[in-house]
Amino acid sequence: MPEARHRRIAADIERRIAAGEWRPGQDLPSRAELAAELGVHPQTVRLAYVLLRRAGVLEGEERRAVYVAHPPAMRTLTDADAEWPYSSETTDTRPRPATVELAERLGVHVGATLKHETVECLDPGGRSAMLVSSWWRGQRRPHVRYSAEVGAVSLTEEQAHALGLLVDAVAFRVVRTRFDHEGRPLETADLILPMDRWLIRLSPTG
């Protein structure tokens, strides 16, 4: 199948980059040149390049030369409740019914209508660094403390596209829940952080 072929070519390009054949900032061959080398149609190479651009392995415009991307800057998350210091974009604000997990996290009934937003946090270069999806009931209220638990999750298609990663890639998932002074949950959030861009060193929370 063409899809399987372009994914195999993408994987081979990644291996060749890892072996040092092409280095960060270096142009790759044109689609026609690489297609001739591999004995495939240029469209197959184009699809491989698209896949690798989405994964952050390559950079460059659709109809121009593509080159090996420089590794993204590594950041360390020490405070899951800190404000993001750079720009961000709110990408989804549709209300959601409470799933079993969200109902447990917020102390509400399954199916209760929750307010929701997903925010894409961008690094100084404009690349997506983290996704934050939050859920709460009623009006947002100030909190006095929060809890944070770290795990891992396979990315959905939507998350992978936003972060420039492959579908089913594994990312850190930080579950953050904010509480009032009586210990009642006010808001809960999933912070999705690519493992190739983040270290997690959370300090104890109150």
C-alpha atoms as a PDB file:
ATOM      1  CA  MET A   1       0.000   0.000   0.000  1.00  0.00           C
ATOM      2  CA  PRO A   2       1.260   3.558  -0.703  1.00  0.00           C
ATOM      3  CA  GLU A   3       0.592   4.572   2.898  1.00  0.00           C
ATOM      4  CA  ALA A   4       2.732   1.739   4.259  1.00  0.00           C
ATOM      5  CA  ARG A   5       5.468   2.575   1.750  1.00  0.00           C
ATOM      6  CA  HIS A   6       5.704   6.274   2.666  1.00  0.00           C
ATOM      7  CA  ARG A   7       5.810   5.366   6.356  1.00  0.00           C
ATOM      8  CA  ARG A   8       8.652   2.937   5.688  1.00  0.00           C
ATOM      9  CA  ILE A   9      10.510   5.631   3.758  1.00  0.00           C
ATOM     10  CA  ALA A  10       9.958   8.092   6.613  1.00  0.00           C
ATOM     11  CA  ALA A  11      11.366   5.574   9.101  1.00  0.00           C
ATOM     12  CA  ASP A  12      14.380   4.999   6.834  1.00  0.00           C
ATOM     13  CA  ILE A  13      15.030   8.750   6.582  1.00  0.00           C
ATOM     14  CA  GLU A  14      14.921   8.987  10.386  1.00  0.00           C
ATOM     15  CA  ARG A  15      17.478   6.163  10.634  1.00  0.00           C
ATOM     16  CA  ARG A  16      19.751   7.900   8.133  1.00  0.00           C
ATOM     17  CA  ILE A  17      19.500  11.161  10.066  1.00  0.00           C
ATOM     18  CA  ALA A  18      20.313   9.333  13.311  1.00  0.00           C
ATOM     19  CA  ALA A  19      23.346   7.771  11.592  1.00  0.00           C
ATOM     20  CA  GLY A  20      24.618  11.246  10.677  1.00  0.00           C
ATOM     21  CA  GLU A  21      24.014  11.136   6.923  1.00  0.00           C
ATOM     22  CA  TRP A  22      22.083  14.405   7.227  1.00  0.00           C
ATOM     23  CA  ARG A  23      22.690  16.787  10.120  1.00  0.00           C
ATOM     24  CA  PRO A  24      20.525  19.499  11.718  1.00  0.00           C
ATOM     25  CA  GLY A  25      20.072  22.398   9.304  1.00  0.00           C
ATOM     26  CA  GLN A  26      21.169  20.372   6.267  1.00  0.00           C
ATOM     27  CA  ASP A  27      18.863  20.151   3.236  1.00  0.00           C
ATOM     28  CA  LEU A  28      17.543  16.762   2.212  1.00  0.00           C
ATOM     29  CA  PRO A  29      17.455  15.734  -1.452  1.00  0.00           C
ATOM     30  CA  SER A  30      14.505  17.003  -3.478  1.00  0.00           C
ATOM     31  CA  ARG A  31      11.472  14.767  -3.767  1.00  0.00           C
ATOM     32  CA  ALA A  32      12.429  13.863  -7.321  1.00  0.00           C
ATOM     33  CA  GLU A  33      16.032  13.045  -6.385  1.00  0.00           C
ATOM     34  CA  LEU A  34      15.114  10.843  -3.438  1.00  0.00           C
ATOM     35  CA  ALA A  35      12.314   9.187  -5.420  1.00  0.00           C
ATOM     36  CA  ALA A  36      14.808   8.285  -8.157  1.00  0.00           C
ATOM     37  CA  GLU A  37      17.236   6.904  -5.556  1.00  0.00           C
ATOM     38  CA  LEU A  38      14.538   4.767  -3.925  1.00  0.00           C
ATOM     39  CA  GLY A  39      12.693   3.795  -7.098  1.00  0.00           C
ATOM     40  CA  VAL A  40       9.352   5.244  -5.980  1.00  0.00           C
ATOM     41  CA  HIS A  41       6.993   7.983  -7.165  1.00  0.00           C
ATOM     42  CA  PRO A  42       7.841  11.542  -5.962  1.00  0.00           C
ATOM     43  CA  GLN A  43       4.390  11.726  -4.365  1.00  0.00           C
ATOM     44  CA  THR A  44       5.401   8.887  -2.037  1.00  0.00           C
ATOM     45  CA  VAL A  45       8.462  10.863  -0.944  1.00  0.00           C
ATOM     46  CA  ARG A  46       6.300  13.966  -0.501  1.00  0.00           C
ATOM     47  CA  LEU A  47       4.034  12.050   1.892  1.00  0.00           C
ATOM     48  CA  ALA A  48       7.073  10.829   3.824  1.00  0.00           C
ATOM     49  CA  TYR A  49       8.366  14.402   4.112  1.00  0.00           C
ATOM     50  CA  VAL A  50       4.937  15.602   5.294  1.00  0.00           C
ATOM     51  CA  LEU A  51       4.914  12.907   7.966  1.00  0.00           C
ATOM     52  CA  LEU A  52       8.395  13.874   9.145  1.00  0.00           C
ATOM     53  CA  ARG A  53       7.551  17.590   9.237  1.00  0.00           C
ATOM     54  CA  ARG A  54       4.550  16.815  11.424  1.00  0.00           C
ATOM     55  CA  ALA A  55       6.790  14.772  13.701  1.00  0.00           C
ATOM     56  CA  GLY A  56       9.262  17.655  14.005  1.00  0.00           C
ATOM     57  CA  VAL A  57      12.073  15.682  12.329  1.00  0.00           C
ATOM     58  CA  LEU A  58      12.144  17.931   9.264  1.00  0.00           C
ATOM     59  CA  GLU A  59      11.365  21.581   8.707  1.00  0.00           C
ATOM     60  CA  GLY A  60      10.641  23.592   5.576  1.00  0.00           C
ATOM     61  CA  GLU A  61       7.721  24.661   3.427  1.00  0.00           C
ATOM     62  CA  GLU A  62       5.629  22.357   1.252  1.00  0.00           C
ATOM     63  CA  ARG A  63       7.069  23.446  -2.099  1.00  0.00           C
ATOM     64  CA  ARG A  64      10.567  24.359  -0.954  1.00  0.00           C
ATOM     65  CA  ALA A  65      13.591  22.485   0.288  1.00  0.00           C
ATOM     66  CA  VAL A  66      13.163  20.575   3.533  1.00  0.00           C
ATOM     67  CA  TYR A  67      15.963  20.251   6.040  1.00  0.00           C
ATOM     68  CA  VAL A  68      16.745  18.376   9.236  1.00  0.00           C
ATOM     69  CA  ALA A  69      15.164  20.133  12.199  1.00  0.00           C
ATOM     70  CA  HIS A  70      17.268  21.174  15.140  1.00  0.00           C
ATOM     71  CA  PRO A  71      16.304  19.271  18.279  1.00  0.00           C
ATOM     72  CA  PRO A  72      13.612  21.107  20.256  1.00  0.00           C
ATOM     73  CA  ALA A  73      14.716  22.811  23.438  1.00  0.00           C
ATOM     74  CA  MET A  74      14.353  20.664  26.538  1.00  0.00           C
ATOM     75  CA  ARG A  75      12.327  22.222  29.339  1.00  0.00           C
ATOM     76  CA  THR A  76      11.794  21.094  32.902  1.00  0.00           C
ATOM     77  CA  LEU A  77       8.374  21.167  34.521  1.00  0.00           C
ATOM     78  CA  THR A  78       8.749  21.850  38.237  1.00  0.00           C
ATOM     79  CA  ASP A  79       5.418  23.560  38.962  1.00  0.00           C
ATOM     80  CA  ALA A  80       2.330  22.141  37.259  1.00  0.00           C
ATOM     81  CA  ASP A  81       0.321  25.191  38.380  1.00  0.00           C
ATOM     82  CA  ALA A  82       2.628  27.903  37.002  1.00  0.00           C
ATOM     83  CA  GLU A  83       1.462  30.344  34.341  1.00  0.00           C
ATOM     84  CA  TRP A  84       2.842  29.676  30.863  1.00  0.00           C
ATOM     85  CA  PRO A  85       5.407  32.465  30.194  1.00  0.00           C
ATOM     86  CA  TYR A  86       5.051  32.537  26.401  1.00  0.00           C
ATOM     87  CA  SER A  87       2.164  32.791  23.951  1.00  0.00           C
ATOM     88  CA  SER A  88      -0.714  30.333  23.833  1.00  0.00           C
ATOM     89  CA  GLU A  89      -3.821  29.638  21.775  1.00  0.00           C
ATOM     90  CA  THR A  90      -7.196  28.390  22.999  1.00  0.00           C
ATOM     91  CA  THR A  91      -8.231  25.731  20.490  1.00  0.00           C
ATOM     92  CA  ASP A  92     -11.436  24.253  21.966  1.00  0.00           C
ATOM     93  CA  THR A  93     -14.047  25.556  24.419  1.00  0.00           C
ATOM     94  CA  ARG A  94     -16.912  23.116  23.860  1.00  0.00           C
ATOM     95  CA  PRO A  95     -18.689  21.915  27.044  1.00  0.00           C
ATOM     96  CA  ARG A  96     -18.222  18.210  27.772  1.00  0.00           C
ATOM     97  CA  PRO A  97     -20.183  15.608  29.748  1.00  0.00           C
ATOM     98  CA  ALA A  98     -18.264  14.244  32.720  1.00  0.00           C
ATOM     99  CA  THR A  99     -16.698  10.870  32.032  1.00  0.00           C
ATOM    100  CA  VAL A 100     -16.299   8.385  34.872  1.00  0.00           C
ATOM    101  CA  GLU A 101     -12.722   9.620  35.429  1.00  0.00           C
ATOM    102  CA  LEU A 102     -13.620  13.313  35.321  1.00  0.00           C
ATOM    103  CA  ALA A 103     -16.615  12.766  37.615  1.00  0.00           C
ATOM    104  CA  GLU A 104     -14.312  11.148  40.161  1.00  0.00           C
ATOM    105  CA  ARG A 105     -11.710  13.909  39.854  1.00  0.00           C
ATOM    106  CA  LEU A 106     -14.270  16.698  40.320  1.00  0.00           C
ATOM    107  CA  GLY A 107     -16.725  14.982  42.641  1.00  0.00           C
ATOM    108  CA  VAL A 108     -19.681  15.298  40.246  1.00  0.00           C
ATOM    109  CA  HIS A 109     -22.133  12.888  38.667  1.00  0.00           C
ATOM    110  CA  VAL A 110     -21.183  11.007  35.506  1.00  0.00           C
ATOM    111  CA  GLY A 111     -22.659  12.861  32.555  1.00  0.00           C
ATOM    112  CA  ALA A 112     -22.790  16.235  34.324  1.00  0.00           C
ATOM    113  CA  THR A 113     -22.085  19.107  31.948  1.00  0.00           C
ATOM    114  CA  LEU A 114     -18.590  20.495  32.445  1.00  0.00           C
ATOM    115  CA  LYS A 115     -17.082  23.651  31.081  1.00  0.00           C
ATOM    116  CA  HIS A 116     -13.925  22.913  29.142  1.00  0.00           C
ATOM    117  CA  GLU A 117     -11.041  24.482  27.301  1.00  0.00           C
ATOM    118  CA  THR A 118      -7.962  23.193  25.554  1.00  0.00           C
ATOM    119  CA  VAL A 119      -4.986  25.557  25.345  1.00  0.00           C
ATOM    120  CA  GLU A 120      -1.958  25.025  23.110  1.00  0.00           C
ATOM    121  CA  CYS A 121       1.148  26.489  24.766  1.00  0.00           C
ATOM    122  CA  LEU A 122       3.740  27.694  22.268  1.00  0.00           C
ATOM    123  CA  ASP A 123       7.483  27.994  22.735  1.00  0.00           C
ATOM    124  CA  PRO A 124       9.315  31.231  21.773  1.00  0.00           C
ATOM    125  CA  GLY A 125       9.779  29.876  18.253  1.00  0.00           C
ATOM    126  CA  GLY A 126       6.048  29.287  17.801  1.00  0.00           C
ATOM    127  CA  ARG A 127       6.193  25.483  18.058  1.00  0.00           C
ATOM    128  CA  SER A 128       3.651  23.706  20.219  1.00  0.00           C
ATOM    129  CA  ALA A 129       5.279  22.774  23.542  1.00  0.00           C
ATOM    130  CA  MET A 130       2.345  21.530  25.621  1.00  0.00           C
ATOM    131  CA  LEU A 131      -1.422  20.996  25.533  1.00  0.00           C
ATOM    132  CA  VAL A 132      -3.551  21.810  28.585  1.00  0.00           C
ATOM    133  CA  SER A 133      -7.160  20.571  28.690  1.00  0.00           C
ATOM    134  CA  SER A 134      -9.168  21.811  31.691  1.00  0.00           C
ATOM    135  CA  TRP A 135     -12.639  20.962  33.011  1.00  0.00           C
ATOM    136  CA  TRP A 136     -14.728  22.637  35.753  1.00  0.00           C
ATOM    137  CA  ARG A 137     -18.302  23.258  36.940  1.00  0.00           C
ATOM    138  CA  GLY A 138     -19.924  26.700  37.016  1.00  0.00           C
ATOM    139  CA  GLN A 139     -17.682  29.734  37.337  1.00  0.00           C
ATOM    140  CA  ARG A 140     -13.939  29.437  37.740  1.00  0.00           C
ATOM    141  CA  ARG A 141     -12.936  30.286  41.294  1.00  0.00           C
ATOM    142  CA  PRO A 142      -9.580  30.940  42.974  1.00  0.00           C
ATOM    143  CA  HIS A 143      -7.904  27.878  44.439  1.00  0.00           C
ATOM    144  CA  VAL A 144      -5.631  27.534  47.465  1.00  0.00           C
ATOM    145  CA  ARG A 145      -3.759  24.357  46.578  1.00  0.00           C
ATOM    146  CA  TYR A 146      -3.445  21.722  43.889  1.00  0.00           C
ATOM    147  CA  SER A 147      -2.310  18.136  43.382  1.00  0.00           C
ATOM    148  CA  ALA A 148      -0.353  16.760  40.425  1.00  0.00           C
ATOM    149  CA  GLU A 149       0.185  13.165  39.301  1.00  0.00           C
ATOM    150  CA  VAL A 150       2.524  12.169  36.472  1.00  0.00           C
ATOM    151  CA  GLY A 151       1.875   9.358  34.035  1.00  0.00           C
ATOM    152  CA  ALA A 152       2.091   8.595  30.329  1.00  0.00           C
ATOM    153  CA  VAL A 153      -0.505   8.470  27.570  1.00  0.00           C
ATOM    154  CA  SER A 154      -0.692   7.594  23.873  1.00  0.00           C
ATOM    155  CA  LEU A 155      -1.564  10.674  21.847  1.00  0.00           C
ATOM    156  CA  THR A 156      -4.852  10.953  20.020  1.00  0.00           C
ATOM    157  CA  GLU A 157      -4.831  12.020  16.376  1.00  0.00           C
ATOM    158  CA  GLU A 158      -5.827  15.561  17.352  1.00  0.00           C
ATOM    159  CA  GLN A 159      -3.147  15.826  20.043  1.00  0.00           C
ATOM    160  CA  ALA A 160      -0.468  14.364  17.769  1.00  0.00           C
ATOM    161  CA  HIS A 161      -1.314  16.813  14.995  1.00  0.00           C
ATOM    162  CA  ALA A 162      -1.152  19.794  17.369  1.00  0.00           C
ATOM    163  CA  LEU A 163       2.187  18.721  18.831  1.00  0.00           C
ATOM    164  CA  GLY A 164       3.762  17.665  15.535  1.00  0.00           C
ATOM    165  CA  LEU A 165       4.134  14.045  16.638  1.00  0.00           C
ATOM    166  CA  LEU A 166       2.989  10.690  15.315  1.00  0.00           C
ATOM    167  CA  VAL A 167      -0.374   9.269  16.346  1.00  0.00           C
ATOM    168  CA  ASP A 168       0.019   6.845  19.284  1.00  0.00           C
ATOM    169  CA  ALA A 169       3.337   8.424  20.283  1.00  0.00           C
ATOM    170  CA  VAL A 170       3.707   8.383  24.056  1.00  0.00           C
ATOM    171  CA  ALA A 171       3.764  11.667  25.991  1.00  0.00           C
ATOM    172  CA  PHE A 172       3.847  12.697  29.628  1.00  0.00           C
ATOM    173  CA  ARG A 173       0.417  13.289  31.160  1.00  0.00           C
ATOM    174  CA  VAL A 174       0.284  15.443  34.265  1.00  0.00           C
ATOM    175  CA  VAL A 175      -3.121  15.324  35.977  1.00  0.00           C
ATOM    176  CA  ARG A 176      -3.554  18.572  37.903  1.00  0.00           C
ATOM    177  CA  THR A 177      -6.504  19.188  40.205  1.00  0.00           C
ATOM    178  CA  ARG A 178      -7.132  22.481  41.998  1.00  0.00           C
ATOM    179  CA  PHE A 179      -8.901  22.659  45.392  1.00  0.00           C
ATOM    180  CA  ASP A 180     -10.596  25.295  47.551  1.00  0.00           C
ATOM    181  CA  HIS A 181      -9.774  25.959  51.212  1.00  0.00           C
ATOM    182  CA  GLU A 182     -12.108  23.144  52.283  1.00  0.00           C
ATOM    183  CA  GLY A 183     -10.423  20.610  50.032  1.00  0.00           C
ATOM    184  CA  ARG A 184     -13.182  20.496  47.425  1.00  0.00           C
ATOM    185  CA  PRO A 185     -12.041  20.096  43.793  1.00  0.00           C
ATOM    186  CA  LEU A 186     -12.671  23.177  41.696  1.00  0.00           C
ATOM    187  CA  GLU A 187     -11.003  22.307  38.410  1.00  0.00           C
ATOM    188  CA  THR A 188      -9.000  19.483  36.892  1.00  0.00           C
ATOM    189  CA  ALA A 189      -6.689  19.449  33.895  1.00  0.00           C
ATOM    190  CA  ASP A 190      -4.556  17.180  31.749  1.00  0.00           C
ATOM    191  CA  LEU A 191      -1.165  18.619  30.777  1.00  0.00           C
ATOM    192  CA  ILE A 192       0.199  16.744  27.745  1.00  0.00           C
ATOM    193  CA  LEU A 193       3.960  17.172  27.305  1.00  0.00           C
ATOM    194  CA  PRO A 194       6.078  15.550  24.543  1.00  0.00           C
ATOM    195  CA  MET A 195       8.766  13.358  26.070  1.00  0.00           C
ATOM    196  CA  ASP A 196      11.390  14.656  23.642  1.00  0.00           C
ATOM    197  CA  ARG A 197      10.872  18.239  24.890  1.00  0.00           C
ATOM    198  CA  TRP A 198      10.304  17.890  28.626  1.00  0.00           C
ATOM    199  CA  LEU A 199      11.747  16.609  31.884  1.00  0.00           C
ATOM    200  CA  ILE A 200       9.414  16.326  34.878  1.00  0.00           C
ATOM    201  CA  ARG A 201      10.702  17.306  38.320  1.00  0.00           C
ATOM    202  CA  LEU A 202       7.642  18.318  40.283  1.00  0.00           C
ATOM    203  CA  SER A 203       8.153  19.887  43.675  1.00  0.00           C
ATOM    204  CA  PRO A 204       5.841  18.775  46.522  1.00  0.00           C
ATOM    205  CA  THR A 205       2.442  20.491  46.556  1.00  0.00           C
ATOM    206  CA  GLY A 206       0.559  21.681  49.582  1.00  0.00           C
END
